[in-house]
């Protein structure tokens, strides 16, 4: 509920309360006069409320469009920045821990040169980028813009990596 609509509802409730309180202590003629005044005020209030709600809806729609445009612009910049860069995207220390953890399954107390781990990371990132490119093509072929696990499975199957 918008703030402006909440204000209108509160005014309406307060006006009703005033009518009830005033009707208790005055004669019938004065009570009907006050009721008519409050009813007139409520009619004006509700007429302007509908117009205000429409104006608020238009403002909200415009604001949403602006936010979406700005978000898309920022995402496009981020994508372009990543496409231009040749830096590694996965952090080195977590990748190194992963390599050591996987290597423990084959032989304990293995030691790695830093260049060897960097070469593994470079190869892993190149593989992932290539896989995601193919996955994106699979999603586009399915007339979608969002990649899904089934696109990755299809890309790997087409590559012959998985049966």
Foldseek 3Di string as FASTA:
>chain_A
DDPVVVVLVVVLVVLVVVLVVVVVPDDPVVSVVSVVVSVVVNVVSVVVVVVVVVVVVVVVVVVVVVVVVVVVVVVVVVVVVVVPDPDQDDDQPVLVVVVQVVVVVVPPPDDDDSVVSVVVSSVVVVVVVVLVVQLCVQQVVVVHRDGDPVSSVVSCVVVVNHD
